[in-house]
Amino acid sequence: MRKFLIKVNDQQYEVEVEEVKGGSSSAPVAAPAPKPAAAPAPAPKASKAAATSGPTSKVTSPMPGNILKIKANVGDTVKRGQSLLILEAMKMENDITAPADGKVIEIQVTQGQAVTAGQVLVVLG
């Protein structure tokens, strides 16, 4: 496996690519789904302040696509790296994972919804 850094729409992704020698292979050469960059959220608004007891982070979409499946529910406690939802983009399923341990405060998308790059998908607290 070889690692590369790829920049798409001002977002940088680390991908691993398997080099196939001696012709074609039945196994596709594929990179793992990009890991979403979670930016810390600004201070919660008054309406959400009662629902959260600590800092929140927003999980954003790394690319445009459609929400194929939502795997977490509001109120769930999640661990870093745990799958939150599946984003289908360019006919590939991308696993969107939790950037840190936390609790799902809000899910801002629905199954089948089209999303844009940078759109907030899930809020963790």
N, C-alpha and C. Protein backbone atom coordinates (compact mmCIF):
# COMPACT_ATOMS: atom_id res chain seq x y z
N MET A 1 0.85 -1.17 0.00
CA MET A 1 0.00 0.00 0.00
C MET A 1 0.89 1.24 0.00
N ARG A 2 0.50 2.21 -0.78
CA ARG A 2 1.21 3.50 -0.81
C ARG A 2 0.24 4.57 -0.37
N LYS A 3 0.73 5.54 0.39
CA LYS A 3 -0.11 6.63 0.88
C LYS A 3 0.14 7.88 0.05
N PHE A 4 -0.95 8.59 -0.23
CA PHE A 4 -0.90 9.83 -0.99
C PHE A 4 -1.77 10.86 -0.30
N LEU A 5 -1.44 12.12 -0.48
CA LEU A 5 -2.29 13.22 -0.05
C LEU A 5 -2.94 13.79 -1.30
N ILE A 6 -4.26 13.89 -1.27
CA ILE A 6 -5.01 14.40 -2.42
C ILE A 6 -5.81 15.60 -1.96
N LYS A 7 -5.79 16.67 -2.76
CA LYS A 7 -6.53 17.87 -2.42
C LYS A 7 -7.69 18.03 -3.41
N VAL A 8 -8.92 18.13 -2.86
CA VAL A 8 -10.13 18.28 -3.66
C VAL A 8 -10.94 19.42 -3.06
N ASN A 9 -11.23 20.43 -3.87
CA ASN A 9 -12.01 21.58 -3.41
C ASN A 9 -11.48 22.14 -2.10
N ASP A 10 -10.19 22.39 -2.04
CA ASP A 10 -9.52 22.98 -0.88
C ASP A 10 -9.59 22.10 0.37
N GLN A 11 -9.92 20.82 0.23
CA GLN A 11 -9.90 19.88 1.36
C GLN A 11 -8.85 18.82 1.04
N GLN A 12 -8.03 18.49 2.04
CA GLN A 12 -6.96 17.53 1.83
C GLN A 12 -7.36 16.19 2.44
N TYR A 13 -7.10 15.09 1.70
CA TYR A 13 -7.43 13.74 2.14
C TYR A 13 -6.20 12.87 2.05
N GLU A 14 -6.03 11.98 3.02
CA GLU A 14 -4.97 10.99 2.96
C GLU A 14 -5.60 9.69 2.47
N VAL A 15 -5.05 9.12 1.40
CA VAL A 15 -5.59 7.89 0.84
C VAL A 15 -4.49 6.85 0.71
N GLU A 16 -4.88 5.59 0.76
CA GLU A 16 -3.96 4.49 0.54
C GLU A 16 -4.35 3.79 -0.75
N VAL A 17 -3.37 3.50 -1.58
CA VAL A 17 -3.62 2.85 -2.87
C VAL A 17 -2.73 1.62 -2.96
N GLU A 18 -3.34 0.51 -3.38
CA GLU A 18 -2.58 -0.72 -3.55
C GLU A 18 -2.06 -0.78 -4.97
N GLU A 19 -0.77 -1.03 -5.11
CA GLU A 19 -0.16 -1.12 -6.43
C GLU A 19 -0.29 -2.55 -6.93
N VAL A 20 -0.86 -2.73 -8.13
CA VAL A 20 -1.05 -4.06 -8.70
C VAL A 20 -0.02 -4.23 -9.80
N LYS A 21 0.77 -5.29 -9.71
CA LYS A 21 1.81 -5.54 -10.71
C LYS A 21 1.39 -6.71 -11.60
N GLY A 22 1.77 -6.66 -12.86
CA GLY A 22 1.54 -7.78 -13.76
C GLY A 22 0.16 -7.80 -14.39
N GLY A 23 -0.40 -6.65 -14.68
CA GLY A 23 -1.68 -6.63 -15.37
C GLY A 23 -2.82 -6.29 -14.45
N SER A 24 -4.03 -6.63 -14.91
CA SER A 24 -5.22 -6.27 -14.15
C SER A 24 -5.45 -7.27 -13.03
N SER A 25 -6.21 -6.84 -12.09
CA SER A 25 -6.55 -7.66 -10.94
C SER A 25 -8.05 -7.68 -10.78
N SER A 26 -8.58 -8.76 -10.20
CA SER A 26 -10.02 -8.80 -9.98
C SER A 26 -10.41 -7.90 -8.81
N ALA A 27 -9.44 -7.58 -7.95
CA ALA A 27 -9.74 -6.69 -6.82
C ALA A 27 -9.57 -5.25 -7.27
N PRO A 28 -10.56 -4.41 -7.03
CA PRO A 28 -10.43 -3.01 -7.44
C PRO A 28 -9.39 -2.29 -6.59
N VAL A 29 -8.72 -1.34 -7.21
CA VAL A 29 -7.79 -0.50 -6.48
C VAL A 29 -8.62 0.66 -5.96
N ALA A 30 -8.74 0.75 -4.65
CA ALA A 30 -9.62 1.75 -4.07
C ALA A 30 -8.98 2.37 -2.85
N ALA A 31 -9.42 3.56 -2.57
CA ALA A 31 -8.95 4.28 -1.38
C ALA A 31 -10.06 4.25 -0.35
N PRO A 32 -9.70 4.27 0.92
CA PRO A 32 -10.73 4.31 1.95
C PRO A 32 -11.46 5.65 1.91
N ALA A 33 -12.62 5.67 2.49
CA ALA A 33 -13.40 6.90 2.53
C ALA A 33 -12.62 7.97 3.27
N PRO A 34 -12.69 9.21 2.79
CA PRO A 34 -11.97 10.28 3.48
C PRO A 34 -12.56 10.49 4.86
N LYS A 35 -11.71 10.89 5.77
CA LYS A 35 -12.16 11.17 7.12
C LYS A 35 -12.62 12.62 7.18
N PRO A 36 -13.84 12.84 7.65
CA PRO A 36 -14.32 14.22 7.69
C PRO A 36 -13.57 15.04 8.71
N ALA A 37 -13.34 16.28 8.36
CA ALA A 37 -12.71 17.19 9.29
C ALA A 37 -13.79 17.82 10.14
N ALA A 38 -13.65 17.67 11.44
CA ALA A 38 -14.66 18.20 12.36
C ALA A 38 -14.14 19.51 12.94
N ALA A 39 -14.84 20.56 12.66
CA ALA A 39 -14.47 21.86 13.20
C ALA A 39 -15.24 22.09 14.49
N PRO A 40 -14.58 22.66 15.50
CA PRO A 40 -15.31 22.94 16.72
C PRO A 40 -16.41 23.95 16.45
N ALA A 41 -17.53 23.72 17.06
CA ALA A 41 -18.68 24.59 16.84
C ALA A 41 -18.57 25.84 17.69
N PRO A 42 -19.18 26.95 17.24
CA PRO A 42 -19.22 28.12 18.09
C PRO A 42 -20.08 27.83 19.31
N ALA A 43 -20.05 28.71 20.26
CA ALA A 43 -20.84 28.52 21.48
C ALA A 43 -22.29 28.25 21.12
N PRO A 44 -22.92 27.28 21.79
CA PRO A 44 -24.30 26.96 21.45
C PRO A 44 -25.23 28.14 21.69
N LYS A 45 -26.27 28.21 20.87
CA LYS A 45 -27.28 29.26 21.03
C LYS A 45 -28.11 28.94 22.26
N ALA A 46 -28.83 29.92 22.73
CA ALA A 46 -29.60 29.77 23.95
C ALA A 46 -30.56 28.57 23.88
N SER A 47 -31.16 28.32 22.72
CA SER A 47 -32.13 27.23 22.60
C SER A 47 -31.47 25.86 22.75
N LYS A 48 -30.19 25.75 22.40
CA LYS A 48 -29.50 24.48 22.50
C LYS A 48 -28.66 24.38 23.77
N ALA A 49 -28.49 25.46 24.48
CA ALA A 49 -27.62 25.46 25.65
C ALA A 49 -28.10 24.48 26.70
N ALA A 50 -29.39 24.33 26.87
CA ALA A 50 -29.92 23.41 27.86
C ALA A 50 -29.69 21.96 27.44
N ALA A 51 -29.62 21.69 26.15
CA ALA A 51 -29.49 20.32 25.67
C ALA A 51 -28.04 19.84 25.70
N THR A 52 -27.08 20.74 25.75
CA THR A 52 -25.68 20.34 25.74
C THR A 52 -25.00 20.80 27.02
N SER A 53 -24.15 19.94 27.56
CA SER A 53 -23.46 20.30 28.78
C SER A 53 -22.00 20.63 28.53
N GLY A 54 -21.48 20.37 27.36
CA GLY A 54 -20.09 20.63 27.06
C GLY A 54 -19.92 21.16 25.66
N PRO A 55 -18.67 21.21 25.19
CA PRO A 55 -18.44 21.71 23.84
C PRO A 55 -19.03 20.76 22.80
N THR A 56 -19.39 21.32 21.67
CA THR A 56 -19.95 20.51 20.59
C THR A 56 -19.00 20.53 19.40
N SER A 57 -19.15 19.55 18.54
CA SER A 57 -18.41 19.55 17.28
C SER A 57 -19.38 19.17 16.17
N LYS A 58 -19.14 19.74 15.01
CA LYS A 58 -20.01 19.50 13.87
C LYS A 58 -19.29 18.58 12.89
N VAL A 59 -19.96 17.52 12.49
CA VAL A 59 -19.42 16.60 11.49
C VAL A 59 -19.99 17.08 10.16
N THR A 60 -19.09 17.45 9.23
CA THR A 60 -19.52 18.00 7.95
C THR A 60 -19.26 17.01 6.82
N SER A 61 -19.94 17.23 5.72
CA SER A 61 -19.78 16.38 4.54
C SER A 61 -18.47 16.74 3.84
N PRO A 62 -17.61 15.76 3.57
CA PRO A 62 -16.36 16.05 2.88
C PRO A 62 -16.53 16.28 1.38
N MET A 63 -17.72 15.93 0.85
CA MET A 63 -17.96 16.05 -0.59
C MET A 63 -19.47 16.05 -0.85
N PRO A 64 -19.89 16.49 -2.02
CA PRO A 64 -21.32 16.41 -2.34
C PRO A 64 -21.74 14.96 -2.54
N GLY A 65 -22.97 14.66 -2.20
CA GLY A 65 -23.47 13.30 -2.39
C GLY A 65 -24.87 13.16 -1.82
N ASN A 66 -25.29 11.92 -1.61
CA ASN A 66 -26.60 11.61 -1.06
C ASN A 66 -26.44 10.77 0.20
N ILE A 67 -27.29 11.03 1.19
CA ILE A 67 -27.26 10.25 2.42
C ILE A 67 -27.93 8.91 2.13
N LEU A 68 -27.13 7.85 2.17
CA LEU A 68 -27.63 6.52 1.87
C LEU A 68 -28.26 5.86 3.10
N LYS A 69 -27.61 6.02 4.26
CA LYS A 69 -28.11 5.39 5.47
C LYS A 69 -27.62 6.16 6.69
N ILE A 70 -28.51 6.35 7.67
CA ILE A 70 -28.14 6.98 8.93
C ILE A 70 -28.01 5.86 9.95
N LYS A 71 -26.82 5.76 10.57
CA LYS A 71 -26.55 4.64 11.48
C LYS A 71 -26.61 5.03 12.95
N ALA A 72 -26.73 6.31 13.26
CA ALA A 72 -26.78 6.77 14.65
C ALA A 72 -28.11 7.47 14.90
N ASN A 73 -28.48 7.56 16.15
CA ASN A 73 -29.71 8.25 16.55
C ASN A 73 -29.37 9.35 17.55
N VAL A 74 -30.22 10.36 17.62
CA VAL A 74 -30.04 11.42 18.60
C VAL A 74 -30.06 10.78 19.98
N GLY A 75 -29.09 11.15 20.81
CA GLY A 75 -28.98 10.60 22.16
C GLY A 75 -27.98 9.47 22.27
N ASP A 76 -27.56 8.88 21.14
CA ASP A 76 -26.59 7.79 21.17
C ASP A 76 -25.23 8.31 21.64
N THR A 77 -24.53 7.50 22.41
CA THR A 77 -23.15 7.79 22.77
C THR A 77 -22.29 7.07 21.75
N VAL A 78 -21.36 7.81 21.13
CA VAL A 78 -20.52 7.24 20.07
C VAL A 78 -19.06 7.36 20.44
N LYS A 79 -18.27 6.47 19.91
CA LYS A 79 -16.82 6.46 20.11
C LYS A 79 -16.14 7.01 18.86
N ARG A 80 -14.95 7.54 19.04
CA ARG A 80 -14.16 8.05 17.92
C ARG A 80 -14.01 6.94 16.88
N GLY A 81 -14.29 7.25 15.61
CA GLY A 81 -14.17 6.29 14.52
C GLY A 81 -15.43 5.49 14.26
N GLN A 82 -16.43 5.61 15.14
CA GLN A 82 -17.68 4.88 14.94
C GLN A 82 -18.46 5.48 13.78
N SER A 83 -19.06 4.64 12.97
CA SER A 83 -19.83 5.09 11.81
C SER A 83 -21.10 5.81 12.24
N LEU A 84 -21.31 7.00 11.67
CA LEU A 84 -22.51 7.79 11.95
C LEU A 84 -23.51 7.66 10.81
N LEU A 85 -22.99 7.67 9.57
CA LEU A 85 -23.86 7.55 8.40
C LEU A 85 -23.04 7.17 7.19
N ILE A 86 -23.75 6.78 6.14
CA ILE A 86 -23.12 6.41 4.87
C ILE A 86 -23.49 7.48 3.84
N LEU A 87 -22.47 8.07 3.22
CA LEU A 87 -22.65 9.08 2.18
C LEU A 87 -22.28 8.46 0.84
N GLU A 88 -23.22 8.47 -0.10
CA GLU A 88 -22.94 7.95 -1.43
C GLU A 88 -22.53 9.11 -2.32
N ALA A 89 -21.33 9.00 -2.89
CA ALA A 89 -20.82 10.03 -3.78
C ALA A 89 -20.08 9.35 -4.92
N MET A 90 -20.38 9.72 -6.13
CA MET A 90 -19.75 9.17 -7.32
C MET A 90 -19.84 7.64 -7.33
N LYS A 91 -21.01 7.11 -6.95
CA LYS A 91 -21.30 5.68 -6.93
C LYS A 91 -20.41 4.90 -5.96
N MET A 92 -19.86 5.61 -4.96
CA MET A 92 -19.07 4.96 -3.91
C MET A 92 -19.72 5.26 -2.56
N GLU A 93 -19.72 4.29 -1.68
CA GLU A 93 -20.24 4.48 -0.33
C GLU A 93 -19.11 4.92 0.58
N ASN A 94 -19.29 6.09 1.23
CA ASN A 94 -18.28 6.65 2.11
C ASN A 94 -18.81 6.63 3.54
N ASP A 95 -18.06 6.01 4.42
CA ASP A 95 -18.43 5.92 5.81
C ASP A 95 -18.04 7.22 6.51
N ILE A 96 -19.00 7.93 7.06
CA ILE A 96 -18.73 9.17 7.80
C ILE A 96 -18.70 8.78 9.27
N THR A 97 -17.55 9.02 9.91
CA THR A 97 -17.33 8.54 11.27
C THR A 97 -17.23 9.69 12.27
N ALA A 98 -17.38 9.34 13.54
CA ALA A 98 -17.27 10.32 14.62
C ALA A 98 -15.80 10.71 14.79
N PRO A 99 -15.50 12.01 14.82
CA PRO A 99 -14.12 12.45 14.97
C PRO A 99 -13.61 12.30 16.41
N ALA A 100 -14.53 12.14 17.37
CA ALA A 100 -14.16 12.02 18.77
C ALA A 100 -15.30 11.33 19.52
N ASP A 101 -15.02 10.87 20.73
CA ASP A 101 -16.07 10.32 21.57
C ASP A 101 -17.07 11.42 21.89
N GLY A 102 -18.32 11.07 22.00
CA GLY A 102 -19.33 12.07 22.34
C GLY A 102 -20.73 11.51 22.27
N LYS A 103 -21.67 12.41 22.33
CA LYS A 103 -23.09 12.06 22.29
C LYS A 103 -23.70 12.77 21.08
N VAL A 104 -24.56 12.07 20.36
CA VAL A 104 -25.23 12.66 19.19
C VAL A 104 -26.28 13.64 19.72
N ILE A 105 -26.06 14.92 19.46
CA ILE A 105 -26.97 15.98 19.90
C ILE A 105 -28.04 16.24 18.84
N GLU A 106 -27.60 16.22 17.58
CA GLU A 106 -28.51 16.57 16.49
C GLU A 106 -28.07 15.89 15.20
N ILE A 107 -29.03 15.40 14.43
CA ILE A 107 -28.78 14.89 13.08
C ILE A 107 -29.50 15.83 12.14
N GLN A 108 -28.74 16.51 11.27
CA GLN A 108 -29.30 17.57 10.44
C GLN A 108 -29.65 17.12 9.03
N VAL A 109 -29.62 15.82 8.76
CA VAL A 109 -29.94 15.30 7.43
C VAL A 109 -30.91 14.14 7.56
N THR A 110 -31.52 13.76 6.43
CA THR A 110 -32.41 12.61 6.39
C THR A 110 -31.93 11.64 5.32
N GLN A 111 -32.33 10.40 5.44
CA GLN A 111 -31.96 9.40 4.45
C GLN A 111 -32.49 9.81 3.08
N GLY A 112 -31.63 9.72 2.05
CA GLY A 112 -32.01 10.09 0.70
C GLY A 112 -31.75 11.54 0.36
N GLN A 113 -31.40 12.35 1.34
CA GLN A 113 -31.17 13.78 1.11
C GLN A 113 -29.86 14.02 0.38
N ALA A 114 -29.86 14.97 -0.55
CA ALA A 114 -28.64 15.40 -1.23
C ALA A 114 -27.96 16.44 -0.35
N VAL A 115 -26.63 16.33 -0.22
CA VAL A 115 -25.86 17.26 0.60
C VAL A 115 -24.72 17.85 -0.23
N THR A 116 -24.22 18.98 0.24
CA THR A 116 -23.10 19.64 -0.42
C THR A 116 -21.85 19.50 0.44
N ALA A 117 -20.69 19.74 -0.16
CA ALA A 117 -19.43 19.70 0.59
C ALA A 117 -19.46 20.76 1.68
N GLY A 118 -19.09 20.38 2.89
CA GLY A 118 -19.05 21.31 4.00
C GLY A 118 -20.35 21.44 4.77
N GLN A 119 -21.40 20.82 4.29
CA GLN A 119 -22.71 20.89 4.96
C GLN A 119 -22.64 20.10 6.27
N VAL A 120 -23.22 20.66 7.34
CA VAL A 120 -23.23 19.98 8.63
C VAL A 120 -24.19 18.79 8.55
N LEU A 121 -23.70 17.62 8.96
CA LEU A 121 -24.49 16.40 8.94
C LEU A 121 -24.98 16.03 10.34
N VAL A 122 -24.04 16.05 11.30
CA VAL A 122 -24.31 15.61 12.67
C VAL A 122 -23.62 16.55 13.63
N VAL A 123 -24.27 16.83 14.76
CA VAL A 123 -23.66 17.63 15.82
C VAL A 123 -23.43 16.70 17.02
N LEU A 124 -22.17 16.66 17.48
CA LEU A 124 -21.82 15.85 18.64
C LEU A 124 -21.52 16.75 19.84
N GLY A 125 -21.83 16.26 21.00
CA GLY A 125 -21.56 17.03 22.21
C GLY A 125 -20.82 16.22 23.22
